[in-house]
Every structure is written in C-alpha cells, then in structure tokens.
Amino acid sequence: GVNRSAEDLACWKQRDPVRRLRDALFEQRYMTEEAYAALEARVHLQVETAWRVALDGDPPPARALGDFVYARRRCP
C-alpha cells in the first residue's frame, strides 16, 4: 500500500534479512534448495493453521485490547 519507486523497492529487497540469511546458507552449503523449500512449506503451513484458528475462534474480550501492547513496569 505504500507508494514507492521501483528503485527504492529493489534497494529494500536487497536488504531483506530472510533472503540474505537464505543466500548465505546456500553459499556456505549449510542448506540445499530442497531443504529450504521443505522448511518454507512447513512455516507456511504453521502460519496458515494459526490464521485459520484465529479466524475461526471467538474474538478476544474488549478488556484484552491493551494486552501485550505495553511492557510491564520493572520498578515499583
């Protein structure tokens, strides 16, 4: 939804940490294309499952609106 130039988008895609890690793993031969594809499929399934659970479940109560938004105070 953000209006960016093609050059700006290409620059940010080069800085993508997931892609950079994947490329480094391939370069150092720590992971194969097949292993990465299997990992990506497992992650996709986990995300899809979590998404379905969230959509099919009841919405959280209104009192939970602020949960996990602010850090707890560390000092009394």
N, C-alpha and C. Protein backbone atom coordinates (compact mmCIF):
# COMPACT_ATOMS: atom_id res chain seq x y z
N GLY A 1 0.77 -1.18 0.00
CA GLY A 1 0.00 0.00 0.00
C GLY A 1 0.83 1.26 0.00
N VAL A 2 2.13 1.16 0.23
CA VAL A 2 2.97 2.36 0.26
C VAL A 2 3.44 2.64 -1.16
N ASN A 3 3.37 3.89 -1.56
CA ASN A 3 3.78 4.27 -2.90
C ASN A 3 5.29 4.51 -2.91
N ARG A 4 6.03 3.56 -3.48
CA ARG A 4 7.48 3.66 -3.55
C ARG A 4 7.93 3.50 -4.99
N SER A 5 9.07 4.06 -5.28
CA SER A 5 9.61 3.90 -6.63
C SER A 5 10.15 2.48 -6.77
N ALA A 6 10.29 2.02 -8.00
CA ALA A 6 10.83 0.69 -8.27
C ALA A 6 12.26 0.58 -7.75
N GLU A 7 13.03 1.66 -7.85
CA GLU A 7 14.41 1.66 -7.35
C GLU A 7 14.45 1.50 -5.84
N ASP A 8 13.58 2.23 -5.14
CA ASP A 8 13.52 2.14 -3.68
C ASP A 8 13.13 0.73 -3.25
N LEU A 9 12.13 0.16 -3.90
CA LEU A 9 11.69 -1.19 -3.57
C LEU A 9 12.80 -2.20 -3.82
N ALA A 10 13.51 -2.08 -4.93
CA ALA A 10 14.61 -3.00 -5.24
C ALA A 10 15.71 -2.90 -4.19
N CYS A 11 15.99 -1.68 -3.73
CA CYS A 11 17.01 -1.48 -2.70
C CYS A 11 16.61 -2.18 -1.41
N TRP A 12 15.35 -2.03 -1.00
CA TRP A 12 14.89 -2.66 0.24
C TRP A 12 14.87 -4.17 0.11
N LYS A 13 14.52 -4.70 -1.06
CA LYS A 13 14.51 -6.15 -1.25
C LYS A 13 15.90 -6.74 -1.10
N GLN A 14 16.93 -6.00 -1.50
CA GLN A 14 18.30 -6.48 -1.34
C GLN A 14 18.70 -6.55 0.13
N ARG A 15 18.05 -5.75 0.97
CA ARG A 15 18.37 -5.72 2.40
C ARG A 15 17.51 -6.69 3.21
N ASP A 16 16.61 -7.44 2.57
CA ASP A 16 15.71 -8.37 3.25
C ASP A 16 16.54 -9.37 4.06
N PRO A 17 16.39 -9.39 5.41
CA PRO A 17 17.22 -10.27 6.23
C PRO A 17 16.95 -11.75 6.00
N VAL A 18 15.72 -12.12 5.68
CA VAL A 18 15.41 -13.53 5.45
C VAL A 18 16.10 -13.99 4.17
N ARG A 19 16.00 -13.20 3.15
CA ARG A 19 16.64 -13.56 1.89
C ARG A 19 18.16 -13.59 2.03
N ARG A 20 18.71 -12.62 2.76
CA ARG A 20 20.17 -12.60 2.96
C ARG A 20 20.63 -13.83 3.73
N LEU A 21 19.88 -14.25 4.75
CA LEU A 21 20.23 -15.45 5.50
C LEU A 21 20.15 -16.68 4.60
N ARG A 22 19.06 -16.77 3.84
CA ARG A 22 18.90 -17.90 2.91
C ARG A 22 20.07 -17.97 1.94
N ASP A 23 20.42 -16.84 1.35
CA ASP A 23 21.53 -16.82 0.39
C ASP A 23 22.85 -17.23 1.05
N ALA A 24 23.07 -16.77 2.28
CA ALA A 24 24.31 -17.14 3.00
C ALA A 24 24.32 -18.63 3.31
N LEU A 25 23.18 -19.19 3.69
CA LEU A 25 23.12 -20.63 3.97
C LEU A 25 23.42 -21.44 2.71
N PHE A 26 22.91 -20.99 1.58
CA PHE A 26 23.20 -21.67 0.32
C PHE A 26 24.67 -21.53 -0.05
N GLU A 27 25.18 -20.32 0.09
CA GLU A 27 26.57 -20.04 -0.28
C GLU A 27 27.54 -20.88 0.53
N GLN A 28 27.27 -21.01 1.83
CA GLN A 28 28.15 -21.78 2.71
C GLN A 28 27.82 -23.28 2.69
N ARG A 29 26.82 -23.63 1.91
CA ARG A 29 26.39 -25.03 1.75
C ARG A 29 25.89 -25.65 3.06
N TYR A 30 25.25 -24.81 3.88
CA TYR A 30 24.63 -25.30 5.10
C TYR A 30 23.22 -25.81 4.82
N MET A 31 22.65 -25.39 3.68
CA MET A 31 21.29 -25.78 3.34
C MET A 31 21.18 -25.91 1.82
N THR A 32 20.38 -26.88 1.41
CA THR A 32 20.12 -27.06 -0.02
C THR A 32 18.81 -26.38 -0.39
N GLU A 33 18.61 -26.22 -1.68
CA GLU A 33 17.35 -25.65 -2.17
C GLU A 33 16.16 -26.51 -1.72
N GLU A 34 16.35 -27.83 -1.76
CA GLU A 34 15.27 -28.75 -1.36
C GLU A 34 14.94 -28.61 0.12
N ALA A 35 15.97 -28.51 0.95
CA ALA A 35 15.76 -28.36 2.39
C ALA A 35 15.07 -27.03 2.69
N TYR A 36 15.47 -25.99 1.98
CA TYR A 36 14.84 -24.69 2.18
C TYR A 36 13.38 -24.72 1.76
N ALA A 37 13.10 -25.36 0.64
CA ALA A 37 11.71 -25.46 0.17
C ALA A 37 10.86 -26.22 1.18
N ALA A 38 11.41 -27.29 1.77
CA ALA A 38 10.67 -28.05 2.78
C ALA A 38 10.43 -27.19 4.03
N LEU A 39 11.44 -26.45 4.45
CA LEU A 39 11.29 -25.56 5.61
C LEU A 39 10.25 -24.48 5.33
N GLU A 40 10.30 -23.89 4.15
CA GLU A 40 9.35 -22.86 3.77
C GLU A 40 7.92 -23.41 3.76
N ALA A 41 7.75 -24.64 3.28
CA ALA A 41 6.42 -25.26 3.26
C ALA A 41 5.90 -25.49 4.68
N ARG A 42 6.79 -25.93 5.59
CA ARG A 42 6.38 -26.15 6.98
C ARG A 42 5.97 -24.84 7.64
N VAL A 43 6.75 -23.80 7.42
CA VAL A 43 6.43 -22.49 8.00
C VAL A 43 5.12 -21.97 7.44
N HIS A 44 4.93 -22.12 6.14
CA HIS A 44 3.68 -21.68 5.51
C HIS A 44 2.50 -22.40 6.12
N LEU A 45 2.62 -23.70 6.34
CA LEU A 45 1.54 -24.48 6.94
C LEU A 45 1.25 -24.00 8.36
N GLN A 46 2.29 -23.73 9.14
CA GLN A 46 2.10 -23.24 10.51
C GLN A 46 1.37 -21.89 10.51
N VAL A 47 1.76 -21.00 9.61
CA VAL A 47 1.13 -19.68 9.54
C VAL A 47 -0.33 -19.83 9.11
N GLU A 48 -0.58 -20.64 8.10
CA GLU A 48 -1.94 -20.85 7.64
C GLU A 48 -2.82 -21.46 8.73
N THR A 49 -2.27 -22.41 9.48
CA THR A 49 -3.02 -23.04 10.57
C THR A 49 -3.35 -22.01 11.65
N ALA A 50 -2.37 -21.21 12.03
CA ALA A 50 -2.60 -20.17 13.05
C ALA A 50 -3.63 -19.16 12.55
N TRP A 51 -3.55 -18.82 11.29
CA TRP A 51 -4.50 -17.86 10.70
C TRP A 51 -5.92 -18.42 10.76
N ARG A 52 -6.08 -19.70 10.41
CA ARG A 52 -7.41 -20.34 10.44
C ARG A 52 -7.95 -20.39 11.88
N VAL A 53 -7.10 -20.75 12.83
CA VAL A 53 -7.53 -20.80 14.23
C VAL A 53 -7.99 -19.41 14.68
N ALA A 54 -7.24 -18.38 14.29
CA ALA A 54 -7.61 -17.02 14.68
C ALA A 54 -8.92 -16.59 14.03
N LEU A 55 -9.11 -16.92 12.77
CA LEU A 55 -10.35 -16.52 12.09
C LEU A 55 -11.56 -17.29 12.59
N ASP A 56 -11.38 -18.57 12.92
CA ASP A 56 -12.49 -19.41 13.32
C ASP A 56 -12.84 -19.28 14.80
N GLY A 57 -11.93 -18.74 15.59
CA GLY A 57 -12.16 -18.62 17.02
C GLY A 57 -12.99 -17.39 17.36
N ASP A 58 -13.36 -17.32 18.62
CA ASP A 58 -14.09 -16.16 19.11
C ASP A 58 -13.14 -14.98 19.25
N PRO A 59 -13.62 -13.77 19.03
CA PRO A 59 -12.75 -12.62 19.22
C PRO A 59 -12.41 -12.46 20.70
N PRO A 60 -11.28 -11.87 21.00
CA PRO A 60 -10.92 -11.67 22.40
C PRO A 60 -11.86 -10.67 23.06
N PRO A 61 -11.99 -10.73 24.37
CA PRO A 61 -12.85 -9.76 25.05
C PRO A 61 -12.25 -8.35 24.96
N ALA A 62 -13.10 -7.36 25.08
CA ALA A 62 -12.66 -5.97 24.97
C ALA A 62 -11.60 -5.63 26.01
N ARG A 63 -11.69 -6.24 27.19
CA ARG A 63 -10.71 -5.93 28.25
C ARG A 63 -9.29 -6.37 27.87
N ALA A 64 -9.16 -7.22 26.84
CA ALA A 64 -7.84 -7.69 26.41
C ALA A 64 -7.22 -6.79 25.36
N LEU A 65 -7.90 -5.71 25.03
CA LEU A 65 -7.44 -4.83 23.97
C LEU A 65 -6.01 -4.32 24.20
N GLY A 66 -5.67 -4.02 25.43
CA GLY A 66 -4.34 -3.49 25.73
C GLY A 66 -3.30 -4.54 26.08
N ASP A 67 -3.69 -5.81 26.10
CA ASP A 67 -2.73 -6.87 26.43
C ASP A 67 -1.60 -6.91 25.40
N PHE A 68 -0.39 -7.08 25.87
CA PHE A 68 0.81 -7.22 25.04
C PHE A 68 1.11 -5.97 24.22
N VAL A 69 0.58 -4.82 24.66
CA VAL A 69 0.86 -3.57 23.98
C VAL A 69 1.97 -2.81 24.71
N TYR A 70 1.90 -2.79 26.02
CA TYR A 70 2.87 -2.08 26.82
C TYR A 70 3.68 -3.06 27.65
N ALA A 71 4.93 -2.71 27.87
CA ALA A 71 5.79 -3.53 28.71
C ALA A 71 5.39 -3.30 30.17
N ARG A 72 5.58 -4.32 30.97
CA ARG A 72 5.32 -4.18 32.40
C ARG A 72 6.41 -3.30 33.01
N ARG A 73 6.01 -2.57 34.01
CA ARG A 73 6.99 -1.74 34.72
C ARG A 73 7.96 -2.63 35.46
N ARG A 74 9.20 -2.30 35.42
CA ARG A 74 10.22 -3.09 36.10
C ARG A 74 10.52 -2.53 37.50
N CYS A 75 10.17 -1.28 37.72
CA CYS A 75 10.41 -0.67 39.03
C CYS A 75 9.07 -0.44 39.71
N PRO A 76 9.03 -0.64 41.03
CA PRO A 76 7.77 -0.39 41.74
C PRO A 76 7.39 1.07 41.78
